N, C-alpha and C. Protein backbone atom coordinates (compact mmCIF):
# COMPACT_ATOMS: atom_id res chain seq x y z
N MET A 1 0.85 -1.17 0.00
CA MET A 1 0.00 0.00 0.00
C MET A 1 0.89 1.23 0.00
N ASN A 2 0.67 2.11 -0.96
CA ASN A 2 1.44 3.35 -1.00
C ASN A 2 0.63 4.48 -0.38
N GLU A 3 1.21 5.67 -0.37
CA GLU A 3 0.57 6.80 0.29
C GLU A 3 -0.78 7.16 -0.33
N VAL A 4 -0.89 7.06 -1.65
CA VAL A 4 -2.14 7.40 -2.32
C VAL A 4 -3.23 6.41 -1.94
N SER A 5 -2.90 5.11 -2.00
CA SER A 5 -3.92 4.12 -1.64
C SER A 5 -4.25 4.20 -0.15
N LEU A 6 -3.30 4.60 0.69
CA LEU A 6 -3.60 4.80 2.11
C LEU A 6 -4.64 5.89 2.27
N LEU A 7 -4.44 7.02 1.59
CA LEU A 7 -5.40 8.12 1.69
C LEU A 7 -6.77 7.72 1.16
N GLU A 8 -6.77 6.96 0.06
CA GLU A 8 -8.05 6.49 -0.48
C GLU A 8 -8.73 5.55 0.51
N SER A 9 -7.97 4.64 1.11
CA SER A 9 -8.53 3.70 2.09
C SER A 9 -9.05 4.44 3.31
N LEU A 10 -8.31 5.42 3.77
CA LEU A 10 -8.75 6.16 4.96
C LEU A 10 -10.04 6.93 4.67
N GLY A 11 -10.21 7.38 3.43
CA GLY A 11 -11.41 8.11 3.07
C GLY A 11 -12.63 7.22 2.93
N GLN A 12 -12.41 5.90 2.84
CA GLN A 12 -13.52 4.98 2.61
C GLN A 12 -13.89 4.14 3.83
N VAL A 13 -13.22 4.35 4.95
CA VAL A 13 -13.51 3.55 6.14
C VAL A 13 -14.09 4.43 7.23
N SER A 14 -14.72 3.77 8.16
CA SER A 14 -15.29 4.51 9.29
C SER A 14 -14.17 4.95 10.22
N ALA A 15 -14.48 5.86 11.10
CA ALA A 15 -13.50 6.38 12.05
C ALA A 15 -12.93 5.27 12.91
N SER A 16 -13.73 4.27 13.24
CA SER A 16 -13.25 3.18 14.09
C SER A 16 -12.26 2.27 13.36
N GLN A 17 -12.29 2.24 12.03
CA GLN A 17 -11.39 1.40 11.25
C GLN A 17 -10.13 2.13 10.81
N THR A 18 -10.10 3.43 10.97
CA THR A 18 -8.96 4.24 10.51
C THR A 18 -7.66 3.80 11.14
N GLY A 19 -7.68 3.55 12.44
CA GLY A 19 -6.46 3.14 13.13
C GLY A 19 -5.88 1.85 12.58
N GLN A 20 -6.74 0.88 12.29
CA GLN A 20 -6.27 -0.41 11.76
C GLN A 20 -5.67 -0.24 10.37
N VAL A 21 -6.32 0.56 9.53
CA VAL A 21 -5.79 0.81 8.18
C VAL A 21 -4.41 1.44 8.27
N PHE A 22 -4.26 2.41 9.16
CA PHE A 22 -2.96 3.08 9.30
C PHE A 22 -1.91 2.14 9.88
N ARG A 23 -2.28 1.28 10.86
CA ARG A 23 -1.33 0.31 11.41
C ARG A 23 -0.87 -0.68 10.35
N ASP A 24 -1.79 -1.12 9.50
CA ASP A 24 -1.43 -2.03 8.42
C ASP A 24 -0.45 -1.37 7.46
N PHE A 25 -0.69 -0.09 7.16
CA PHE A 25 0.22 0.68 6.30
C PHE A 25 1.62 0.74 6.92
N LEU A 26 1.68 1.07 8.21
CA LEU A 26 2.98 1.16 8.89
C LEU A 26 3.67 -0.19 8.94
N ARG A 27 2.93 -1.25 9.21
CA ARG A 27 3.51 -2.60 9.27
C ARG A 27 4.22 -2.93 7.96
N GLY A 28 3.59 -2.62 6.83
CA GLY A 28 4.20 -2.88 5.54
C GLY A 28 5.47 -2.07 5.33
N HIS A 29 5.45 -0.82 5.75
CA HIS A 29 6.64 0.02 5.58
C HIS A 29 7.77 -0.39 6.52
N VAL A 30 7.43 -0.81 7.72
CA VAL A 30 8.47 -1.28 8.65
C VAL A 30 9.11 -2.54 8.11
N ARG A 31 8.31 -3.47 7.59
CA ARG A 31 8.84 -4.70 7.02
C ARG A 31 9.79 -4.38 5.86
N GLU A 32 9.39 -3.46 5.00
CA GLU A 32 10.22 -3.05 3.86
C GLU A 32 11.53 -2.43 4.34
N MET A 33 11.46 -1.58 5.37
CA MET A 33 12.66 -0.94 5.91
C MET A 33 13.62 -1.99 6.49
N ILE A 34 13.11 -2.97 7.21
CA ILE A 34 13.94 -4.00 7.80
C ILE A 34 14.67 -4.77 6.70
N CYS A 35 13.97 -5.11 5.63
CA CYS A 35 14.60 -5.83 4.52
C CYS A 35 15.68 -4.98 3.85
N GLU A 36 15.45 -3.68 3.71
CA GLU A 36 16.44 -2.79 3.11
C GLU A 36 17.68 -2.67 3.99
N VAL A 37 17.50 -2.62 5.31
CA VAL A 37 18.64 -2.52 6.23
C VAL A 37 19.47 -3.80 6.18
N MET A 38 18.80 -4.96 6.14
CA MET A 38 19.54 -6.22 6.03
C MET A 38 20.31 -6.29 4.71
N ALA A 39 19.69 -5.85 3.62
CA ALA A 39 20.35 -5.86 2.32
C ALA A 39 21.57 -4.94 2.32
N ALA A 40 21.47 -3.80 2.98
CA ALA A 40 22.60 -2.87 3.07
C ALA A 40 23.74 -3.49 3.86
N GLU A 41 23.42 -4.23 4.93
CA GLU A 41 24.47 -4.88 5.71
C GLU A 41 25.17 -5.96 4.88
N VAL A 42 24.40 -6.72 4.10
CA VAL A 42 24.99 -7.74 3.24
C VAL A 42 25.91 -7.10 2.21
N THR A 43 25.49 -5.99 1.62
CA THR A 43 26.32 -5.29 0.65
C THR A 43 27.60 -4.78 1.30
N GLU A 44 27.49 -4.31 2.53
CA GLU A 44 28.68 -3.84 3.24
C GLU A 44 29.67 -4.98 3.49
N LEU A 45 29.16 -6.15 3.83
CA LEU A 45 30.03 -7.30 4.11
C LEU A 45 30.59 -7.93 2.84
N CYS A 46 29.75 -8.07 1.81
CA CYS A 46 30.11 -8.85 0.63
C CYS A 46 30.45 -8.02 -0.61
N GLY A 47 30.13 -6.74 -0.58
CA GLY A 47 30.29 -5.93 -1.77
C GLY A 47 29.02 -5.95 -2.60
N PRO A 48 29.00 -5.18 -3.68
CA PRO A 48 27.81 -5.10 -4.52
C PRO A 48 27.49 -6.45 -5.17
N LYS A 49 26.21 -6.67 -5.46
CA LYS A 49 25.81 -7.90 -6.16
C LYS A 49 26.49 -7.96 -7.51
N HIS A 50 26.82 -9.16 -7.94
CA HIS A 50 27.39 -9.43 -9.26
C HIS A 50 28.70 -8.68 -9.50
N ASP A 51 29.41 -8.36 -8.44
CA ASP A 51 30.70 -7.69 -8.55
C ASP A 51 31.65 -8.35 -7.57
N PRO A 52 32.37 -9.38 -8.02
CA PRO A 52 33.24 -10.11 -7.09
C PRO A 52 34.20 -9.18 -6.37
N SER A 53 34.31 -9.38 -5.06
CA SER A 53 35.22 -8.56 -4.28
C SER A 53 36.26 -9.45 -3.61
N SER A 54 37.23 -8.84 -3.01
CA SER A 54 38.29 -9.60 -2.35
C SER A 54 37.89 -9.98 -0.92
N SER A 55 36.67 -9.69 -0.54
CA SER A 55 36.20 -9.99 0.81
C SER A 55 36.11 -11.51 1.03
N ASP A 56 36.31 -11.92 2.26
CA ASP A 56 36.15 -13.34 2.59
C ASP A 56 34.70 -13.69 2.91
N HIS A 57 33.81 -12.70 2.82
CA HIS A 57 32.38 -12.92 3.03
C HIS A 57 31.71 -13.09 1.67
N TYR A 58 30.69 -13.94 1.61
CA TYR A 58 29.95 -14.11 0.37
C TYR A 58 28.48 -14.40 0.67
N ARG A 59 27.64 -14.05 -0.29
CA ARG A 59 26.20 -14.30 -0.16
C ARG A 59 25.95 -15.79 -0.20
N ALA A 60 24.96 -16.23 0.59
CA ALA A 60 24.65 -17.65 0.66
C ALA A 60 23.14 -17.88 0.62
N GLY A 61 22.46 -17.16 -0.24
CA GLY A 61 21.03 -17.35 -0.40
C GLY A 61 20.23 -16.62 0.66
N SER A 62 19.11 -17.25 1.02
CA SER A 62 18.23 -16.63 2.01
C SER A 62 17.53 -17.73 2.81
N ALA A 63 16.91 -17.32 3.88
CA ALA A 63 16.17 -18.23 4.74
C ALA A 63 14.97 -17.47 5.31
N SER A 64 13.99 -18.21 5.74
CA SER A 64 12.85 -17.53 6.37
C SER A 64 13.26 -17.06 7.75
N GLY A 65 12.70 -15.97 8.17
CA GLY A 65 13.00 -15.41 9.48
C GLY A 65 11.79 -14.69 10.03
N ARG A 66 11.92 -14.21 11.24
CA ARG A 66 10.82 -13.50 11.88
C ARG A 66 11.37 -12.28 12.61
N VAL A 67 10.58 -11.23 12.61
CA VAL A 67 10.87 -10.05 13.40
C VAL A 67 9.66 -9.78 14.27
N LEU A 68 9.88 -9.12 15.37
CA LEU A 68 8.80 -8.79 16.28
C LEU A 68 8.40 -7.34 16.04
N TYR A 69 7.11 -7.12 15.73
CA TYR A 69 6.60 -5.78 15.48
C TYR A 69 5.27 -5.65 16.21
N GLU A 70 5.20 -4.69 17.10
CA GLU A 70 4.02 -4.46 17.93
C GLU A 70 3.57 -5.73 18.64
N GLY A 71 4.53 -6.49 19.12
CA GLY A 71 4.23 -7.70 19.87
C GLY A 71 3.81 -8.88 19.02
N GLU A 72 3.85 -8.76 17.72
CA GLU A 72 3.46 -9.84 16.82
C GLU A 72 4.64 -10.23 15.94
N ARG A 73 4.73 -11.50 15.65
CA ARG A 73 5.79 -11.98 14.76
C ARG A 73 5.40 -11.74 13.31
N GLU A 74 6.35 -11.18 12.59
CA GLU A 74 6.18 -10.93 11.15
C GLU A 74 7.20 -11.79 10.41
N GLU A 75 6.74 -12.51 9.41
CA GLU A 75 7.63 -13.32 8.59
C GLU A 75 8.39 -12.43 7.61
N VAL A 76 9.69 -12.65 7.49
CA VAL A 76 10.53 -11.94 6.52
C VAL A 76 11.47 -12.94 5.86
N VAL A 77 12.00 -12.57 4.72
CA VAL A 77 13.04 -13.35 4.07
C VAL A 77 14.37 -12.76 4.51
N ARG A 78 15.17 -13.58 5.16
CA ARG A 78 16.43 -13.14 5.75
C ARG A 78 17.59 -13.55 4.85
N PRO A 79 18.41 -12.59 4.42
CA PRO A 79 19.57 -12.96 3.60
C PRO A 79 20.62 -13.68 4.44
N ARG A 80 21.35 -14.59 3.82
CA ARG A 80 22.40 -15.33 4.53
C ARG A 80 23.76 -14.94 3.97
N VAL A 81 24.74 -14.89 4.87
CA VAL A 81 26.12 -14.58 4.51
C VAL A 81 27.01 -15.63 5.15
N ARG A 82 28.03 -16.05 4.42
CA ARG A 82 29.02 -16.99 4.96
C ARG A 82 30.39 -16.33 4.86
N GLN A 83 31.30 -16.79 5.74
CA GLN A 83 32.66 -16.28 5.74
C GLN A 83 33.62 -17.45 5.49
N GLN A 84 34.46 -17.27 4.49
CA GLN A 84 35.46 -18.28 4.12
C GLN A 84 36.66 -18.14 5.04
N SER A 85 37.10 -19.25 5.63
CA SER A 85 38.29 -19.19 6.48
C SER A 85 39.51 -19.64 5.68
N GLY A 86 40.67 -19.45 6.25
CA GLY A 86 41.92 -19.76 5.57
C GLY A 86 42.09 -21.22 5.22
N ASP A 87 41.48 -22.12 5.99
CA ASP A 87 41.65 -23.56 5.73
C ASP A 87 40.63 -24.12 4.74
N GLY A 88 39.85 -23.24 4.11
CA GLY A 88 38.90 -23.68 3.09
C GLY A 88 37.49 -23.93 3.60
N THR A 89 37.30 -23.90 4.89
CA THR A 89 35.95 -24.10 5.42
C THR A 89 35.22 -22.76 5.50
N SER A 90 33.95 -22.81 5.73
CA SER A 90 33.19 -21.57 5.87
C SER A 90 32.19 -21.72 7.00
N CYS A 91 31.74 -20.58 7.50
CA CYS A 91 30.75 -20.60 8.56
C CYS A 91 29.76 -19.47 8.35
N GLU A 92 28.55 -19.69 8.85
CA GLU A 92 27.49 -18.68 8.75
C GLU A 92 27.85 -17.46 9.58
N VAL A 93 27.58 -16.29 9.04
CA VAL A 93 27.81 -15.03 9.74
C VAL A 93 26.44 -14.53 10.23
N GLU A 94 26.34 -14.24 11.51
CA GLU A 94 25.10 -13.70 12.03
C GLU A 94 25.06 -12.20 11.75
N LEU A 95 24.04 -11.77 11.04
CA LEU A 95 23.92 -10.36 10.73
C LEU A 95 23.55 -9.57 11.98
N ALA A 96 24.12 -8.41 12.12
CA ALA A 96 23.80 -7.56 13.28
C ALA A 96 22.35 -7.09 13.23
N THR A 97 21.84 -6.93 12.01
CA THR A 97 20.45 -6.48 11.89
C THR A 97 19.49 -7.60 12.13
C-alpha cells in the first residue's frame, strides 16, 4: 500500500477502522525498511551484487525469518552470509540487523 492508496482507504472507512488501516500501512513500511537494512548490511560485508570482491564474506542465499513488530511476529526473508576461512571451510555469519 502506497501513500495514495492509504489516503483512499482512509477516506472509505469509518473512524473506528482508521487506526487499523494506518497500522497495516505502517507494518508494511516497517517490514520493507527491515529488509532494506539487512540488504545494506549484506552489501557492506560482501560488496555489490554481481561484482566479485576480495572480501572473505559471500552471499549464501536466504532463509525464512521473523521479526517482532508491535508484539506480533512478522515473517521476513532473511539474507544469509558466509565467511570463508583460511583452511577452506566456511561458517554462517550472524547479521547484526
